[in-house]
Amino acid sequence: MKQPQALVVRGGWDGHQPYEATELFIPFLKDSGYDVRVEESPKVYADAGTW
């Protein structure tokens, strides 16, 4: 069975604290068995072959 994957994209406007917010749920995803990939920019959405 393939390990489930999660893509966490953070960045943009600093006022919403993207780093701190995502750090709250990344450990939960990992503990739940997900292979977590973190990207600092929405540019990852432009290349469908990278994920």
PDB file of N, CA and C in Angstrom:
ATOM      1  N   MET A   1       0.843  -1.181   0.000  1.00  0.00           N
ATOM      2  CA  MET A   1       0.000   0.000   0.000  1.00  0.00           C
ATOM      3  C   MET A   1       0.892   1.250   0.000  1.00  0.00           C
ATOM      4  N   LYS A   2       0.577   2.193  -0.887  1.00  0.00           N
ATOM      5  CA  LYS A   2       1.361   3.412  -1.010  1.00  0.00           C
ATOM      6  C   LYS A   2       1.079   4.355   0.157  1.00  0.00           C
ATOM      7  N   GLN A   3       2.131   4.980   0.657  1.00  0.00           N
ATOM      8  CA  GLN A   3       1.989   5.935   1.758  1.00  0.00           C
ATOM      9  C   GLN A   3       1.228   7.168   1.260  1.00  0.00           C
ATOM     10  N   PRO A   4       0.231   7.638   2.035  1.00  0.00           N
ATOM     11  CA  PRO A   4      -0.487   8.846   1.622  1.00  0.00           C
ATOM     12  C   PRO A   4       0.441  10.048   1.645  1.00  0.00           C
ATOM     13  N   GLN A   5       0.163  11.010   0.777  1.00  0.00           N
ATOM     14  CA  GLN A   5       0.997  12.199   0.652  1.00  0.00           C
ATOM     15  C   GLN A   5       0.204  13.449   0.967  1.00  0.00           C
ATOM     16  N   ALA A   6       0.880  14.410   1.568  1.00  0.00           N
ATOM     17  CA  ALA A   6       0.271  15.708   1.856  1.00  0.00           C
ATOM     18  C   ALA A   6       1.213  16.795   1.369  1.00  0.00           C
ATOM     19  N   LEU A   7       0.677  17.776   0.686  1.00  0.00           N
ATOM     20  CA  LEU A   7       1.438  18.929   0.232  1.00  0.00           C
ATOM     21  C   LEU A   7       0.989  20.122   1.054  1.00  0.00           C
ATOM     22  N   VAL A   8       1.917  20.732   1.765  1.00  0.00           N
ATOM     23  CA  VAL A   8       1.626  21.923   2.569  1.00  0.00           C
ATOM     24  C   VAL A   8       2.313  23.089   1.876  1.00  0.00           C
ATOM     25  N   VAL A   9       1.515  24.059   1.448  1.00  0.00           N
ATOM     26  CA  VAL A   9       2.050  25.237   0.769  1.00  0.00           C
ATOM     27  C   VAL A   9       1.852  26.425   1.690  1.00  0.00           C
ATOM     28  N   ARG A  10       2.954  27.080   1.993  1.00  0.00           N
ATOM     29  CA  ARG A  10       2.871  28.251   2.867  1.00  0.00           C
ATOM     30  C   ARG A  10       3.688  29.375   2.263  1.00  0.00           C
ATOM     31  N   GLY A  11       3.298  30.541   2.596  1.00  0.00           N
ATOM     32  CA  GLY A  11       3.961  31.720   2.053  1.00  0.00           C
ATOM     33  C   GLY A  11       2.930  32.800   1.812  1.00  0.00           C
ATOM     34  N   GLY A  12       3.344  33.838   1.158  1.00  0.00           N
ATOM     35  CA  GLY A  12       2.423  34.933   0.889  1.00  0.00           C
ATOM     36  C   GLY A  12       2.474  35.982   1.970  1.00  0.00           C
ATOM     37  N   TRP A  13       1.347  36.514   2.275  1.00  0.00           N
ATOM     38  CA  TRP A  13       1.225  37.619   3.220  1.00  0.00           C
ATOM     39  C   TRP A  13       1.655  37.188   4.614  1.00  0.00           C
ATOM     40  N   ASP A  14       2.625  37.895   5.187  1.00  0.00           N
ATOM     41  CA  ASP A  14       3.164  37.535   6.493  1.00  0.00           C
ATOM     42  C   ASP A  14       2.175  37.737   7.638  1.00  0.00           C
ATOM     43  N   GLY A  15       1.166  38.545   7.430  1.00  0.00           N
ATOM     44  CA  GLY A  15       0.204  38.831   8.488  1.00  0.00           C
ATOM     45  C   GLY A  15      -0.576  37.627   8.980  1.00  0.00           C
ATOM     46  N   HIS A  16      -0.666  36.582   8.200  1.00  0.00           N
ATOM     47  CA  HIS A  16      -1.418  35.408   8.655  1.00  0.00           C
ATOM     48  C   HIS A  16      -0.511  34.327   9.239  1.00  0.00           C
ATOM     49  N   GLN A  17       0.747  34.616   9.402  1.00  0.00           N
ATOM     50  CA  GLN A  17       1.716  33.711  10.028  1.00  0.00           C
ATOM     51  C   GLN A  17       1.687  32.305   9.420  1.00  0.00           C
ATOM     52  N   PRO A  18       2.014  32.189   8.145  1.00  0.00           N
ATOM     53  CA  PRO A  18       1.919  30.895   7.473  1.00  0.00           C
ATOM     54  C   PRO A  18       2.843  29.832   8.066  1.00  0.00           C
ATOM     55  N   TYR A  19       4.038  30.211   8.474  1.00  0.00           N
ATOM     56  CA  TYR A  19       4.955  29.219   9.024  1.00  0.00           C
ATOM     57  C   TYR A  19       4.419  28.657  10.336  1.00  0.00           C
ATOM     58  N   GLU A  20       4.059  29.528  11.237  1.00  0.00           N
ATOM     59  CA  GLU A  20       3.559  29.095  12.547  1.00  0.00           C
ATOM     60  C   GLU A  20       2.274  28.282  12.426  1.00  0.00           C
ATOM     61  N   ALA A  21       1.404  28.693  11.521  1.00  0.00           N
ATOM     62  CA  ALA A  21       0.128  27.984  11.352  1.00  0.00           C
ATOM     63  C   ALA A  21       0.335  26.558  10.843  1.00  0.00           C
ATOM     64  N   THR A  22       1.186  26.403   9.847  1.00  0.00           N
ATOM     65  CA  THR A  22       1.380  25.059   9.295  1.00  0.00           C
ATOM     66  C   THR A  22       2.158  24.159  10.242  1.00  0.00           C
ATOM     67  N   GLU A  23       3.031  24.733  11.055  1.00  0.00           N
ATOM     68  CA  GLU A  23       3.769  23.935  12.028  1.00  0.00           C
ATOM     69  C   GLU A  23       2.842  23.316  13.073  1.00  0.00           C
ATOM     70  N   LEU A  24       1.633  23.829  13.196  1.00  0.00           N
ATOM     71  CA  LEU A  24       0.660  23.261  14.131  1.00  0.00           C
ATOM     72  C   LEU A  24       0.108  21.923  13.645  1.00  0.00           C
ATOM     73  N   PHE A  25      -0.061  21.766  12.333  1.00  0.00           N
ATOM     74  CA  PHE A  25      -0.687  20.533  11.852  1.00  0.00           C
ATOM     75  C   PHE A  25       0.241  19.582  11.101  1.00  0.00           C
ATOM     76  N   ILE A  26       1.447  20.003  10.755  1.00  0.00           N
ATOM     77  CA  ILE A  26       2.387  19.087  10.089  1.00  0.00           C
ATOM     78  C   ILE A  26       2.715  17.883  10.973  1.00  0.00           C
ATOM     79  N   PRO A  27       2.980  18.061  12.273  1.00  0.00           N
ATOM     80  CA  PRO A  27       3.235  16.880  13.107  1.00  0.00           C
ATOM     81  C   PRO A  27       2.058  15.889  13.125  1.00  0.00           C
ATOM     82  N   PHE A  28       0.841  16.397  13.103  1.00  0.00           N
ATOM     83  CA  PHE A  28      -0.337  15.525  13.070  1.00  0.00           C
ATOM     84  C   PHE A  28      -0.353  14.700  11.787  1.00  0.00           C
ATOM     85  N   LEU A  29      -0.067  15.336  10.657  1.00  0.00           N
ATOM     86  CA  LEU A  29      -0.040  14.618   9.382  1.00  0.00           C
ATOM     87  C   LEU A  29       1.020  13.523   9.395  1.00  0.00           C
ATOM     88  N   LYS A  30       2.210  13.861   9.871  1.00  0.00           N
ATOM     89  CA  LYS A  30       3.289  12.874   9.930  1.00  0.00           C
ATOM     90  C   LYS A  30       2.939  11.723  10.867  1.00  0.00           C
ATOM     91  N   ASP A  31       2.390  12.043  12.026  1.00  0.00           N
ATOM     92  CA  ASP A  31       1.991  11.004  12.982  1.00  0.00           C
ATOM     93  C   ASP A  31       0.871  10.127  12.433  1.00  0.00           C
ATOM     94  N   SER A  32       0.108  10.658  11.482  1.00  0.00           N
ATOM     95  CA  SER A  32      -0.989   9.910  10.873  1.00  0.00           C
ATOM     96  C   SER A  32      -0.525   9.100   9.658  1.00  0.00           C
ATOM     97  N   GLY A  33       0.790   9.107   9.409  1.00  0.00           N
ATOM     98  CA  GLY A  33       1.329   8.275   8.346  1.00  0.00           C
ATOM     99  C   GLY A  33       1.538   8.945   7.005  1.00  0.00           C
ATOM    100  N   TYR A  34       1.382  10.249   6.935  1.00  0.00           N
ATOM    101  CA  TYR A  34       1.548  10.957   5.673  1.00  0.00           C
ATOM    102  C   TYR A  34       3.005  11.285   5.391  1.00  0.00           C
ATOM    103  N   ASP A  35       3.367  11.209   4.123  1.00  0.00           N
ATOM    104  CA  ASP A  35       4.628  11.731   3.642  1.00  0.00           C
ATOM    105  C   ASP A  35       4.355  13.204   3.352  1.00  0.00           C
ATOM    106  N   VAL A  36       4.940  14.089   4.136  1.00  0.00           N
ATOM    107  CA  VAL A  36       4.615  15.514   4.053  1.00  0.00           C
ATOM    108  C   VAL A  36       5.693  16.256   3.275  1.00  0.00           C
ATOM    109  N   ARG A  37       5.266  16.980   2.287  1.00  0.00           N
ATOM    110  CA  ARG A  37       6.152  17.863   1.517  1.00  0.00           C
ATOM    111  C   ARG A  37       5.729  19.293   1.805  1.00  0.00           C
ATOM    112  N   VAL A  38       6.688  20.140   2.149  1.00  0.00           N
ATOM    113  CA  VAL A  38       6.407  21.538   2.471  1.00  0.00           C
ATOM    114  C   VAL A  38       7.048  22.416   1.409  1.00  0.00           C
ATOM    115  N   GLU A  39       6.265  23.314   0.851  1.00  0.00           N
ATOM    116  CA  GLU A  39       6.741  24.287  -0.130  1.00  0.00           C
ATOM    117  C   GLU A  39       6.470  25.688   0.404  1.00  0.00           C
ATOM    118  N   GLU A  40       7.391  26.591   0.135  1.00  0.00           N
ATOM    119  CA  GLU A  40       7.286  27.961   0.633  1.00  0.00           C
ATOM    120  C   GLU A  40       6.631  28.908  -0.370  1.00  0.00           C
ATOM    121  N   SER A  41       6.187  28.391  -1.503  1.00  0.00           N
ATOM    122  CA  SER A  41       5.620  29.221  -2.555  1.00  0.00           C
ATOM    123  C   SER A  41       4.543  28.447  -3.307  1.00  0.00           C
ATOM    124  N   PRO A  42       3.520  29.137  -3.793  1.00  0.00           N
ATOM    125  CA  PRO A  42       2.498  28.458  -4.590  1.00  0.00           C
ATOM    126  C   PRO A  42       2.987  28.065  -5.986  1.00  0.00           C
ATOM    127  N   LYS A  43       4.236  28.352  -6.315  1.00  0.00           N
ATOM    128  CA  LYS A  43       4.784  28.002  -7.624  1.00  0.00           C
ATOM    129  C   LYS A  43       4.740  26.497  -7.871  1.00  0.00           C
ATOM    130  N   VAL A  44       4.690  25.703  -6.819  1.00  0.00           N
ATOM    131  CA  VAL A  44       4.646  24.250  -6.971  1.00  0.00           C
ATOM    132  C   VAL A  44       3.417  23.812  -7.775  1.00  0.00           C
ATOM    133  N   TYR A  45       2.364  24.597  -7.733  1.00  0.00           N
ATOM    134  CA  TYR A  45       1.145  24.255  -8.473  1.00  0.00           C
ATOM    135  C   TYR A  45       1.336  24.375  -9.989  1.00  0.00           C
ATOM    136  N   ALA A  46       2.350  25.109 -10.434  1.00  0.00           N
ATOM    137  CA  ALA A  46       2.577  25.317 -11.860  1.00  0.00           C
ATOM    138  C   ALA A  46       3.212  24.112 -12.539  1.00  0.00           C
ATOM    139  N   ASP A  47       3.790  23.190 -11.773  1.00  0.00           N
ATOM    140  CA  ASP A  47       4.456  22.039 -12.362  1.00  0.00           C
ATOM    141  C   ASP A  47       3.817  20.756 -11.843  1.00  0.00           C
ATOM    142  N   ALA A  48       2.890  20.214 -12.598  1.00  0.00           N
ATOM    143  CA  ALA A  48       2.147  19.023 -12.178  1.00  0.00           C
ATOM    144  C   ALA A  48       3.041  17.802 -12.020  1.00  0.00           C
ATOM    145  N   GLY A  49       4.196  17.795 -12.628  1.00  0.00           N
ATOM    146  CA  GLY A  49       5.076  16.629 -12.570  1.00  0.00           C
ATOM    147  C   GLY A  49       5.928  16.543 -11.318  1.00  0.00           C
ATOM    148  N   THR A  50       5.897  17.551 -10.466  1.00  0.00           N
ATOM    149  CA  THR A  50       6.768  17.537  -9.289  1.00  0.00           C
ATOM    150  C   THR A  50       6.152  16.851  -8.092  1.00  0.00           C
ATOM    151  N   TRP A  51       4.897  16.535  -8.132  1.00  0.00           N
ATOM    152  CA  TRP A  51       4.260  15.919  -6.968  1.00  0.00           C
ATOM    153  C   TRP A  51       3.384  14.781  -7.352  1.00  0.00           C
TER     154      TRP A  51
END
